[in-house]
Amino acid sequence: MARLPGNEPLVAASGRELHTLREINGLGQAERDRIYAGLIPPRLFELLGMSHETLRGSDGLGRVRIIAPEGIGLVRIEVRARPDDRDTVFFLELADTPYRQMELAFCIIADPHAPRFDVDRDAEGRSNYFASQGRNVPEEIRAMAAGLFPNQTRHGLNLFGEFFPRFERFVDALGVEMIAAEPLTYDNAIRYEKYGFDYVTGKRLMLEIDREFRPGGILHQRLDGSTPFRLPGAERTVRGRSWAIHDGIMDEPWDDVRIYKMIGIHAGVDTFPDRQNDPAGETRGGVRL
């Protein structure tokens, strides 16, 4: 049963209520794609000159790829400015969980016209899997100077605030009460706090990070200019802290941070209450599997 005001259960054309991604994936392709296309921010259709009905551009070529295997509770939605582009403008991956939750596995919204920074690739152009297999430090320095956050290849379109309410209503329409996610970076965790998330694990770490970045704290002392990512003053912004953490300033790796949101409830968590605004503002929402 839907909980959000004015929301209705998601019903298939046959009249059957839908409760999981797996059930949606079992529908005919046209009906399935219509449901999933509803998760794409409306303004993205305008920006790309894309039809809501056909998911094609003015040139008649498709802009949306929906991967939703029958029999599996998983969907991936990819939107590109041009069909042959390597990068997506909008990338969303969702999964059912065994506990009747919805996992927001990944969401990226990027400006296709903004400069690209190859922080996700090594010197030979191979994927570094979010810097887990080596960092492209020169590109990271350029990206940071341009106002980007760790692992971000382009500036965003500031559309996550348009996407998330649609997503929450979609989850609610399935009768699911909880959204689960795992933040990719420190700035992701702070961003999701804004949208009402609380922590399953990692809240102690987030509070400790805030404490230790304050004057007298160990992380504050380590902002000594020893690398471009550890400059004094970085502790005042989410972006500055996130780059320092990405650079390995902590004694423990950024890991085992898991978050959740109950549908219709804002948890009111704020682990960095007196932060200064980042020059780039909100640019991306992203979580990892």
C-alpha atoms as a PDB file:
ATOM      1  CA  MET A   1       0.000   0.000   0.000  1.00  0.00           C
ATOM      2  CA  ALA A   2       1.298   3.442  -0.976  1.00  0.00           C
ATOM      3  CA  ARG A   3       2.081   5.773   1.929  1.00  0.00           C
ATOM      4  CA  LEU A   4       2.886   9.108   0.310  1.00  0.00           C
ATOM      5  CA  PRO A   5      -0.022  11.577  -0.037  1.00  0.00           C
ATOM      6  CA  GLY A   6      -1.774  11.258  -3.387  1.00  0.00           C
ATOM      7  CA  ASN A   7       0.285   8.265  -4.446  1.00  0.00           C
ATOM      8  CA  GLU A   8      -1.291   5.109  -5.847  1.00  0.00           C
ATOM      9  CA  PRO A   9      -0.126   1.490  -6.045  1.00  0.00           C
ATOM     10  CA  LEU A  10       1.675   0.608  -9.263  1.00  0.00           C
ATOM     11  CA  VAL A  11      -0.691  -1.484 -11.363  1.00  0.00           C
ATOM     12  CA  ALA A  12       0.038  -3.373 -14.579  1.00  0.00           C
ATOM     13  CA  ALA A  13      -2.236  -3.054 -17.617  1.00  0.00           C
ATOM     14  CA  SER A  14      -3.720  -6.408 -16.617  1.00  0.00           C
ATOM     15  CA  GLY A  15      -4.887  -4.891 -13.323  1.00  0.00           C
ATOM     16  CA  ARG A  16      -2.343  -6.754 -11.205  1.00  0.00           C
ATOM     17  CA  GLU A  17      -0.521  -4.759  -8.534  1.00  0.00           C
ATOM     18  CA  LEU A  18       3.251  -4.711  -8.904  1.00  0.00           C
ATOM     19  CA  HIS A  19       5.515  -4.989  -5.867  1.00  0.00           C
ATOM     20  CA  THR A  20       9.033  -5.684  -7.172  1.00  0.00           C
ATOM     21  CA  LEU A  21      11.388  -4.882 -10.022  1.00  0.00           C
ATOM     22  CA  ARG A  22      11.279  -8.547 -10.905  1.00  0.00           C
ATOM     23  CA  GLU A  23       7.532  -8.309 -11.496  1.00  0.00           C
ATOM     24  CA  ILE A  24       7.977  -5.199 -13.656  1.00  0.00           C
ATOM     25  CA  ASN A  25      10.676  -6.983 -15.653  1.00  0.00           C
ATOM     26  CA  GLY A  26       8.180  -9.750 -16.415  1.00  0.00           C
ATOM     27  CA  LEU A  27       5.878  -7.356 -18.288  1.00  0.00           C
ATOM     28  CA  GLY A  28       5.954  -6.768 -22.014  1.00  0.00           C
ATOM     29  CA  GLN A  29       8.808  -4.544 -23.119  1.00  0.00           C
ATOM     30  CA  ALA A  30       6.652  -1.544 -24.041  1.00  0.00           C
ATOM     31  CA  GLU A  31       4.841  -1.504 -20.692  1.00  0.00           C
ATOM     32  CA  ARG A  32       8.032  -2.204 -18.755  1.00  0.00           C
ATOM     33  CA  ASP A  33       9.933   0.590 -20.490  1.00  0.00           C
ATOM     34  CA  ARG A  34       7.070   3.048 -19.979  1.00  0.00           C
ATOM     35  CA  ILE A  35       7.172   2.420 -16.233  1.00  0.00           C
ATOM     36  CA  TYR A  36      10.941   2.766 -15.963  1.00  0.00           C
ATOM     37  CA  ALA A  37      11.078   5.842 -18.202  1.00  0.00           C
ATOM     38  CA  GLY A  38       8.984   7.574 -15.555  1.00  0.00           C
ATOM     39  CA  LEU A  39      12.093   7.652 -13.358  1.00  0.00           C
ATOM     40  CA  ILE A  40      13.975   9.888 -15.800  1.00  0.00           C
ATOM     41  CA  PRO A  41      13.852  13.563 -14.705  1.00  0.00           C
ATOM     42  CA  PRO A  42      11.411  15.389 -17.022  1.00  0.00           C
ATOM     43  CA  ARG A  43      13.814  18.266 -17.632  1.00  0.00           C
ATOM     44  CA  LEU A  44      16.277  15.805 -19.134  1.00  0.00           C
ATOM     45  CA  PHE A  45      13.819  15.145 -21.952  1.00  0.00           C
ATOM     46  CA  GLU A  46      13.811  18.863 -22.699  1.00  0.00           C
ATOM     47  CA  LEU A  47      17.581  19.236 -22.489  1.00  0.00           C
ATOM     48  CA  LEU A  48      18.152  16.347 -24.901  1.00  0.00           C
ATOM     49  CA  GLY A  49      15.193  17.086 -27.195  1.00  0.00           C
ATOM     50  CA  MET A  50      13.879  13.612 -26.443  1.00  0.00           C
ATOM     51  CA  SER A  51      10.321  12.348 -26.870  1.00  0.00           C
ATOM     52  CA  HIS A  52       8.544  11.062 -23.743  1.00  0.00           C
ATOM     53  CA  GLU A  53       6.661   8.537 -25.879  1.00  0.00           C
ATOM     54  CA  THR A  54       9.400   7.113 -28.108  1.00  0.00           C
ATOM     55  CA  LEU A  55      12.495   7.884 -25.974  1.00  0.00           C
ATOM     56  CA  ARG A  56      14.121   9.066 -29.201  1.00  0.00           C
ATOM     57  CA  GLY A  57      15.716  12.325 -30.214  1.00  0.00           C
ATOM     58  CA  SER A  58      14.639  14.608 -33.056  1.00  0.00           C
ATOM     59  CA  ASP A  59      16.874  12.548 -35.359  1.00  0.00           C
ATOM     60  CA  GLY A  60      14.755   9.474 -34.664  1.00  0.00           C
ATOM     61  CA  LEU A  61      17.573   7.665 -32.875  1.00  0.00           C
ATOM     62  CA  GLY A  62      17.118   6.127 -29.441  1.00  0.00           C
ATOM     63  CA  ARG A  63      18.563   7.903 -26.426  1.00  0.00           C
ATOM     64  CA  VAL A  64      17.483   5.492 -23.675  1.00  0.00           C
ATOM     65  CA  ARG A  65      18.659   1.962 -22.987  1.00  0.00           C
ATOM     66  CA  ILE A  66      16.785  -0.031 -20.359  1.00  0.00           C
ATOM     67  CA  ILE A  67      18.329  -3.291 -19.187  1.00  0.00           C
ATOM     68  CA  ALA A  68      15.764  -5.237 -17.178  1.00  0.00           C
ATOM     69  CA  PRO A  69      16.301  -9.017 -17.457  1.00  0.00           C
ATOM     70  CA  GLU A  70      13.198 -11.112 -16.998  1.00  0.00           C
ATOM     71  CA  GLY A  71      13.313 -13.201 -13.835  1.00  0.00           C
ATOM     72  CA  ILE A  72      15.767 -10.867 -12.092  1.00  0.00           C
ATOM     73  CA  GLY A  73      15.012  -7.978  -9.727  1.00  0.00           C
ATOM     74  CA  LEU A  74      17.452  -5.560 -11.323  1.00  0.00           C
ATOM     75  CA  VAL A  75      17.161  -2.624 -13.718  1.00  0.00           C
ATOM     76  CA  ARG A  76      19.705  -0.337 -15.326  1.00  0.00           C
ATOM     77  CA  ILE A  77      18.638   2.812 -17.161  1.00  0.00           C
ATOM     78  CA  GLU A  78      21.130   4.577 -19.424  1.00  0.00           C
ATOM     79  CA  VAL A  79      20.433   7.881 -21.184  1.00  0.00           C
ATOM     80  CA  ARG A  80      22.915   9.357 -23.661  1.00  0.00           C
ATOM     81  CA  ALA A  81      23.024  12.688 -25.447  1.00  0.00           C
ATOM     82  CA  ARG A  82      23.938  10.780 -28.610  1.00  0.00           C
ATOM     83  CA  PRO A  83      23.507   7.049 -29.140  1.00  0.00           C
ATOM     84  CA  ASP A  84      27.213   6.436 -29.773  1.00  0.00           C
ATOM     85  CA  ASP A  85      28.494   8.418 -26.753  1.00  0.00           C
ATOM     86  CA  ARG A  86      30.723   6.473 -24.372  1.00  0.00           C
ATOM     87  CA  ASP A  87      29.417   8.323 -21.329  1.00  0.00           C
ATOM     88  CA  THR A  88      25.862   8.523 -20.093  1.00  0.00           C
ATOM     89  CA  VAL A  89      24.019  11.681 -19.125  1.00  0.00           C
ATOM     90  CA  PHE A  90      21.779   9.733 -16.748  1.00  0.00           C
ATOM     91  CA  PHE A  91      22.697   6.349 -15.277  1.00  0.00           C
ATOM     92  CA  LEU A  92      20.518   4.550 -12.765  1.00  0.00           C
ATOM     93  CA  GLU A  93      20.804   1.071 -11.320  1.00  0.00           C
ATOM     94  CA  LEU A  94      18.259  -0.363  -8.890  1.00  0.00           C
ATOM     95  CA  ALA A  95      17.844  -3.776  -7.295  1.00  0.00           C
ATOM     96  CA  ASP A  96      15.315  -5.645  -5.198  1.00  0.00           C
ATOM     97  CA  THR A  97      16.688  -6.927  -1.904  1.00  0.00           C
ATOM     98  CA  PRO A  98      15.692 -10.126  -0.056  1.00  0.00           C
ATOM     99  CA  TYR A  99      14.284  -7.940   2.720  1.00  0.00           C
ATOM    100  CA  ARG A 100      11.673  -6.052   0.669  1.00  0.00           C
ATOM    101  CA  GLN A 101      13.826  -2.971   0.336  1.00  0.00           C
ATOM    102  CA  MET A 102      14.837  -1.076  -2.793  1.00  0.00           C
ATOM    103  CA  GLU A 103      18.563  -0.708  -3.320  1.00  0.00           C
ATOM    104  CA  LEU A 104      19.621   2.509  -4.993  1.00  0.00           C
ATOM    105  CA  ALA A 105      22.784   0.966  -6.324  1.00  0.00           C
ATOM    106  CA  PHE A 106      23.962   3.808  -8.530  1.00  0.00           C
ATOM    107  CA  CYS A 107      22.819   7.146  -9.885  1.00  0.00           C
ATOM    108  CA  ILE A 108      24.840   9.586 -11.981  1.00  0.00           C
ATOM    109  CA  ILE A 109      23.540  12.694 -13.737  1.00  0.00           C
ATOM    110  CA  ALA A 110      26.228  14.471 -15.765  1.00  0.00           C
ATOM    111  CA  ASP A 111      26.370  17.440 -18.130  1.00  0.00           C
ATOM    112  CA  PRO A 112      27.402  16.029 -21.534  1.00  0.00           C
ATOM    113  CA  HIS A 113      28.673  19.448 -22.645  1.00  0.00           C
ATOM    114  CA  ALA A 114      30.970  19.972 -19.639  1.00  0.00           C
ATOM    115  CA  PRO A 115      34.702  19.169 -19.875  1.00  0.00           C
ATOM    116  CA  ARG A 116      35.578  15.562 -19.065  1.00  0.00           C
ATOM    117  CA  PHE A 117      38.241  14.585 -16.546  1.00  0.00           C
ATOM    118  CA  ASP A 118      39.580  11.040 -16.878  1.00  0.00           C
ATOM    119  CA  VAL A 119      39.753  10.329 -13.147  1.00  0.00           C
ATOM    120  CA  ASP A 120      38.116   6.958 -13.834  1.00  0.00           C
ATOM    121  CA  ARG A 121      40.912   5.735 -16.128  1.00  0.00           C
ATOM    122  CA  ASP A 122      44.594   5.003 -15.845  1.00  0.00           C
ATOM    123  CA  ALA A 123      47.324   6.361 -18.103  1.00  0.00           C
ATOM    124  CA  GLU A 124      46.524   3.689 -20.719  1.00  0.00           C
ATOM    125  CA  GLY A 125      42.834   4.533 -20.738  1.00  0.00           C
ATOM    126  CA  ARG A 126      41.697   1.480 -18.788  1.00  0.00           C
ATOM    127  CA  SER A 127      39.058   1.709 -16.083  1.00  0.00           C
ATOM    128  CA  ASN A 128      40.503   2.017 -12.588  1.00  0.00           C
ATOM    129  CA  TYR A 129      37.200   0.951 -10.967  1.00  0.00           C
ATOM    130  CA  PHE A 130      36.672   4.078  -8.884  1.00  0.00           C
ATOM    131  CA  ALA A 131      40.386   4.385  -8.082  1.00  0.00           C
ATOM    132  CA  SER A 132      40.422   0.944  -6.443  1.00  0.00           C
ATOM    133  CA  GLN A 133      43.049  -0.135  -8.987  1.00  0.00           C
ATOM    134  CA  GLY A 134      45.196   2.965  -9.046  1.00  0.00           C
ATOM    135  CA  ARG A 135      44.520   6.687  -9.283  1.00  0.00           C
ATOM    136  CA  ASN A 136      44.959   9.130 -12.131  1.00  0.00           C
ATOM    137  CA  VAL A 137      46.380  11.871  -9.914  1.00  0.00           C
ATOM    138  CA  PRO A 138      47.034  14.499 -12.639  1.00  0.00           C
ATOM    139  CA  GLU A 139      43.407  14.248 -13.760  1.00  0.00           C
ATOM    140  CA  GLU A 140      42.212  14.323 -10.154  1.00  0.00           C
ATOM    141  CA  ILE A 141      44.120  17.560  -9.567  1.00  0.00           C
ATOM    142  CA  ARG A 142      42.504  19.092 -12.656  1.00  0.00           C
ATOM    143  CA  ALA A 143      39.053  17.865 -11.614  1.00  0.00           C
ATOM    144  CA  MET A 144      39.430  19.208  -8.080  1.00  0.00           C
ATOM    145  CA  ALA A 145      40.568  22.597  -9.401  1.00  0.00           C
ATOM    146  CA  ALA A 146      37.459  22.672 -11.617  1.00  0.00           C
ATOM    147  CA  GLY A 147      35.210  22.161  -8.591  1.00  0.00           C
ATOM    148  CA  LEU A 148      34.423  18.480  -9.024  1.00  0.00           C
ATOM    149  CA  PHE A 149      34.188  15.854  -6.296  1.00  0.00           C
ATOM    150  CA  PRO A 150      36.169  12.576  -6.112  1.00  0.00           C
ATOM    151  CA  ASN A 151      35.340  10.065  -8.887  1.00  0.00           C
ATOM    152  CA  GLN A 152      33.320  12.695 -10.753  1.00  0.00           C
ATOM    153  CA  THR A 153      34.205  12.954 -14.449  1.00  0.00           C
ATOM    154  CA  ARG A 154      31.979  15.913 -15.358  1.00  0.00           C
ATOM    155  CA  HIS A 155      29.950  18.618 -13.698  1.00  0.00           C
ATOM    156  CA  GLY A 156      26.363  17.644 -13.086  1.00  0.00           C
ATOM    157  CA  LEU A 157      23.043  19.064 -14.239  1.00  0.00           C
ATOM    158  CA  ASN A 158      21.584  19.699 -10.774  1.00  0.00           C
ATOM    159  CA  LEU A 159      18.749  17.291 -11.502  1.00  0.00           C
ATOM    160  CA  PHE A 160      19.097  14.884  -8.587  1.00  0.00           C
ATOM    161  CA  GLY A 161      16.616  16.980  -6.611  1.00  0.00           C
ATOM    162  CA  GLU A 162      14.128  16.419  -9.437  1.00  0.00           C
ATOM    163  CA  PHE A 163      14.891  12.719  -9.723  1.00  0.00           C
ATOM    164  CA  PHE A 164      14.762  11.666  -6.098  1.00  0.00           C
ATOM    165  CA  PRO A 165      11.115  12.552  -5.302  1.00  0.00           C
ATOM    166  CA  ARG A 166      10.057  10.644  -8.424  1.00  0.00           C
ATOM    167  CA  PHE A 167      12.123   7.686  -7.319  1.00  0.00           C
ATOM    168  CA  GLU A 168      10.703   7.756  -3.789  1.00  0.00           C
ATOM    169  CA  ARG A 169       7.147   7.806  -5.153  1.00  0.00           C
ATOM    170  CA  PHE A 170       7.998   4.891  -7.467  1.00  0.00           C
ATOM    171  CA  VAL A 171       9.323   2.857  -4.525  1.00  0.00           C
ATOM    172  CA  ASP A 172       6.258   3.790  -2.488  1.00  0.00           C
ATOM    173  CA  ALA A 173       3.944   2.747  -5.335  1.00  0.00           C
ATOM    174  CA  LEU A 174       5.482  -0.731  -5.133  1.00  0.00           C
ATOM    175  CA  GLY A 175       4.571  -0.891  -1.453  1.00  0.00           C
ATOM    176  CA  VAL A 176       8.239  -0.892  -0.424  1.00  0.00           C
ATOM    177  CA  GLU A 177       8.970   1.033   2.761  1.00  0.00           C
ATOM    178  CA  MET A 178      12.750   1.451   2.693  1.00  0.00           C
ATOM    179  CA  ILE A 179      15.451   2.602   0.280  1.00  0.00           C
ATOM    180  CA  ALA A 180      18.963   1.269   0.935  1.00  0.00           C
ATOM    181  CA  ALA A 181      22.250   2.541  -0.479  1.00  0.00           C
ATOM    182  CA  GLU A 182      26.019   2.554   0.014  1.00  0.00           C
ATOM    183  CA  PRO A 183      27.696   5.949  -0.530  1.00  0.00           C
ATOM    184  CA  LEU A 184      30.686   5.915  -2.841  1.00  0.00           C
ATOM    185  CA  THR A 185      32.403   8.850  -1.142  1.00  0.00           C
ATOM    186  CA  TYR A 186      32.139  11.152   1.867  1.00  0.00           C
ATOM    187  CA  ASP A 187      30.380  13.837  -0.169  1.00  0.00           C
ATOM    188  CA  ASN A 188      27.803  11.269  -1.342  1.00  0.00           C
ATOM    189  CA  ALA A 189      26.996  10.445   2.274  1.00  0.00           C
ATOM    190  CA  ILE A 190      26.526  14.122   3.163  1.00  0.00           C
ATOM    191  CA  ARG A 191      24.377  14.635   0.085  1.00  0.00           C
ATOM    192  CA  TYR A 192      22.088  11.747   0.979  1.00  0.00           C
ATOM    193  CA  GLU A 193      21.679  13.125   4.489  1.00  0.00           C
ATOM    194  CA  LYS A 194      20.051  16.130   2.831  1.00  0.00           C
ATOM    195  CA  TYR A 195      17.465  13.835   1.261  1.00  0.00           C
ATOM    196  CA  GLY A 196      16.518  12.243   4.561  1.00  0.00           C
ATOM    197  CA  PHE A 197      18.805   9.236   4.867  1.00  0.00           C
ATOM    198  CA  ASP A 198      20.102   7.786   8.125  1.00  0.00           C
ATOM    199  CA  TYR A 199      22.903   5.304   8.705  1.00  0.00           C
ATOM    200  CA  VAL A 200      22.780   1.545   9.096  1.00  0.00           C
ATOM    201  CA  THR A 201      26.540   1.563   9.611  1.00  0.00           C
ATOM    202  CA  GLY A 202      29.030   4.411   9.445  1.00  0.00           C
ATOM    203  CA  LYS A 203      27.399   7.122  11.540  1.00  0.00           C
ATOM    204  CA  ARG A 204      30.128   6.805  14.165  1.00  0.00           C
ATOM    205  CA  LEU A 205      32.710   7.236  11.412  1.00  0.00           C
ATOM    206  CA  MET A 206      30.938  10.298   9.987  1.00  0.00           C
ATOM    207  CA  LEU A 207      30.776  11.975  13.392  1.00  0.00           C
ATOM    208  CA  GLU A 208      34.414  11.104  14.049  1.00  0.00           C
ATOM    209  CA  ILE A 209      35.409  12.618  10.703  1.00  0.00           C
ATOM    210  CA  ASP A 210      33.617  15.850  11.609  1.00  0.00           C
ATOM    211  CA  ARG A 211      35.303  15.960  15.000  1.00  0.00           C
ATOM    212  CA  GLU A 212      38.797  15.231  13.707  1.00  0.00           C
ATOM    213  CA  PHE A 213      38.600  17.815  10.917  1.00  0.00           C
ATOM    214  CA  ARG A 214      37.995  20.534  13.492  1.00  0.00           C
ATOM    215  CA  PRO A 215      40.920  22.533  14.964  1.00  0.00           C
ATOM    216  CA  GLY A 216      42.990  20.279  17.190  1.00  0.00           C
ATOM    217  CA  GLY A 217      41.787  17.107  15.478  1.00  0.00           C
ATOM    218  CA  ILE A 218      44.165  14.677  13.825  1.00  0.00           C
ATOM    219  CA  LEU A 219      42.694  15.147  10.349  1.00  0.00           C
ATOM    220  CA  HIS A 220      42.895  18.910  10.714  1.00  0.00           C
ATOM    221  CA  GLN A 221      46.589  18.575  11.587  1.00  0.00           C
ATOM    222  CA  ARG A 222      47.154  16.440   8.495  1.00  0.00           C
ATOM    223  CA  LEU A 223      45.914  19.219   6.195  1.00  0.00           C
ATOM    224  CA  ASP A 224      49.519  20.301   5.884  1.00  0.00           C
ATOM    225  CA  GLY A 225      49.878  20.887   2.145  1.00  0.00           C
ATOM    226  CA  SER A 226      51.832  17.658   1.685  1.00  0.00           C
ATOM    227  CA  THR A 227      49.663  16.877  -1.346  1.00  0.00           C
ATOM    228  CA  PRO A 228      47.336  19.071  -3.457  1.00  0.00           C
ATOM    229  CA  PHE A 229      44.408  17.299  -1.763  1.00  0.00           C
ATOM    230  CA  ARG A 230      45.451  18.208   1.791  1.00  0.00           C
ATOM    231  CA  LEU A 231      45.566  21.978   1.766  1.00  0.00           C
ATOM    232  CA  PRO A 232      44.798  23.986   4.929  1.00  0.00           C
ATOM    233  CA  GLY A 233      41.186  25.122   4.870  1.00  0.00           C
ATOM    234  CA  ALA A 234      39.929  22.002   3.128  1.00  0.00           C
ATOM    235  CA  GLU A 235      38.143  21.040   6.336  1.00  0.00           C
ATOM    236  CA  ARG A 236      35.577  23.803   5.849  1.00  0.00           C
ATOM    237  CA  THR A 237      33.791  22.287   2.842  1.00  0.00           C
ATOM    238  CA  VAL A 238      32.360  18.910   1.930  1.00  0.00           C
ATOM    239  CA  ARG A 239      34.393  18.909  -1.262  1.00  0.00           C
ATOM    240  CA  GLY A 240      37.644  19.692   0.547  1.00  0.00           C
ATOM    241  CA  ARG A 241      37.089  16.970   3.127  1.00  0.00           C
ATOM    242  CA  SER A 242      36.028  14.446   0.508  1.00  0.00           C
ATOM    243  CA  TRP A 243      39.168  14.940  -1.591  1.00  0.00           C
ATOM    244  CA  ALA A 244      41.363  14.633   1.498  1.00  0.00           C
ATOM    245  CA  ILE A 245      39.613  11.397   2.465  1.00  0.00           C
ATOM    246  CA  HIS A 246      39.947  10.139  -1.107  1.00  0.00           C
ATOM    247  CA  ASP A 247      43.664  10.931  -0.803  1.00  0.00           C
ATOM    248  CA  GLY A 248      43.949   8.579   2.187  1.00  0.00           C
ATOM    249  CA  ILE A 249      44.160  11.114   4.999  1.00  0.00           C
ATOM    250  CA  MET A 250      42.324   8.793   7.411  1.00  0.00           C
ATOM    251  CA  ASP A 251      43.884   5.844   9.213  1.00  0.00           C
ATOM    252  CA  GLU A 252      41.072   3.599   7.986  1.00  0.00           C
ATOM    253  CA  PRO A 253      39.728   3.309   4.447  1.00  0.00           C
ATOM    254  CA  TRP A 254      36.382   4.782   3.422  1.00  0.00           C
ATOM    255  CA  ASP A 255      34.310   1.614   3.652  1.00  0.00           C
ATOM    256  CA  ASP A 256      31.341  -0.063   5.307  1.00  0.00           C
ATOM    257  CA  VAL A 257      29.127   3.032   5.218  1.00  0.00           C
ATOM    258  CA  ARG A 258      25.539   2.007   4.532  1.00  0.00           C
ATOM    259  CA  ILE A 259      22.507   4.235   4.593  1.00  0.00           C
ATOM    260  CA  TYR A 260      18.738   3.935   4.416  1.00  0.00           C
ATOM    261  CA  LYS A 261      15.624   6.062   4.081  1.00  0.00           C
ATOM    262  CA  MET A 262      12.144   5.207   5.223  1.00  0.00           C
ATOM    263  CA  ILE A 263       9.568   6.294   2.667  1.00  0.00           C
ATOM    264  CA  GLY A 264       8.039   9.654   3.556  1.00  0.00           C
ATOM    265  CA  ILE A 265      10.335  10.234   6.524  1.00  0.00           C
ATOM    266  CA  HIS A 266      13.273  12.643   6.711  1.00  0.00           C
ATOM    267  CA  ALA A 267      15.730  11.359   9.325  1.00  0.00           C
ATOM    268  CA  GLY A 268      17.121  14.837  10.042  1.00  0.00           C
ATOM    269  CA  VAL A 269      20.730  13.626  10.215  1.00  0.00           C
ATOM    270  CA  ASP A 270      23.462  16.219   9.652  1.00  0.00           C
ATOM    271  CA  THR A 271      27.007  15.109  10.448  1.00  0.00           C
ATOM    272  CA  PHE A 272      28.617  18.326   9.136  1.00  0.00           C
ATOM    273  CA  PRO A 273      26.272  21.057  10.410  1.00  0.00           C
ATOM    274  CA  ASP A 274      28.465  24.147   9.969  1.00  0.00           C
ATOM    275  CA  ARG A 275      29.926  23.404   6.566  1.00  0.00           C
ATOM    276  CA  GLN A 276      30.586  26.146   4.055  1.00  0.00           C
ATOM    277  CA  ASN A 277      28.946  25.912   0.661  1.00  0.00           C
ATOM    278  CA  ASP A 278      31.032  24.262  -2.011  1.00  0.00           C
ATOM    279  CA  PRO A 279      31.613  26.454  -5.066  1.00  0.00           C
ATOM    280  CA  ALA A 280      30.353  23.698  -7.371  1.00  0.00           C
ATOM    281  CA  GLY A 281      27.205  23.062  -5.340  1.00  0.00           C
ATOM    282  CA  GLU A 282      25.342  19.798  -5.703  1.00  0.00           C
ATOM    283  CA  THR A 283      26.534  18.085  -8.824  1.00  0.00           C
ATOM    284  CA  ARG A 284      26.056  14.397  -8.527  1.00  0.00           C
ATOM    285  CA  GLY A 285      24.312  11.669  -6.636  1.00  0.00           C
ATOM    286  CA  GLY A 286      26.147   8.403  -6.661  1.00  0.00           C
ATOM    287  CA  VAL A 287      26.377   5.240  -4.683  1.00  0.00           C
ATOM    288  CA  ARG A 288      28.168   2.021  -5.337  1.00  0.00           C
ATOM    289  CA  LEU A 289      27.134  -1.609  -5.313  1.00  0.00           C
END
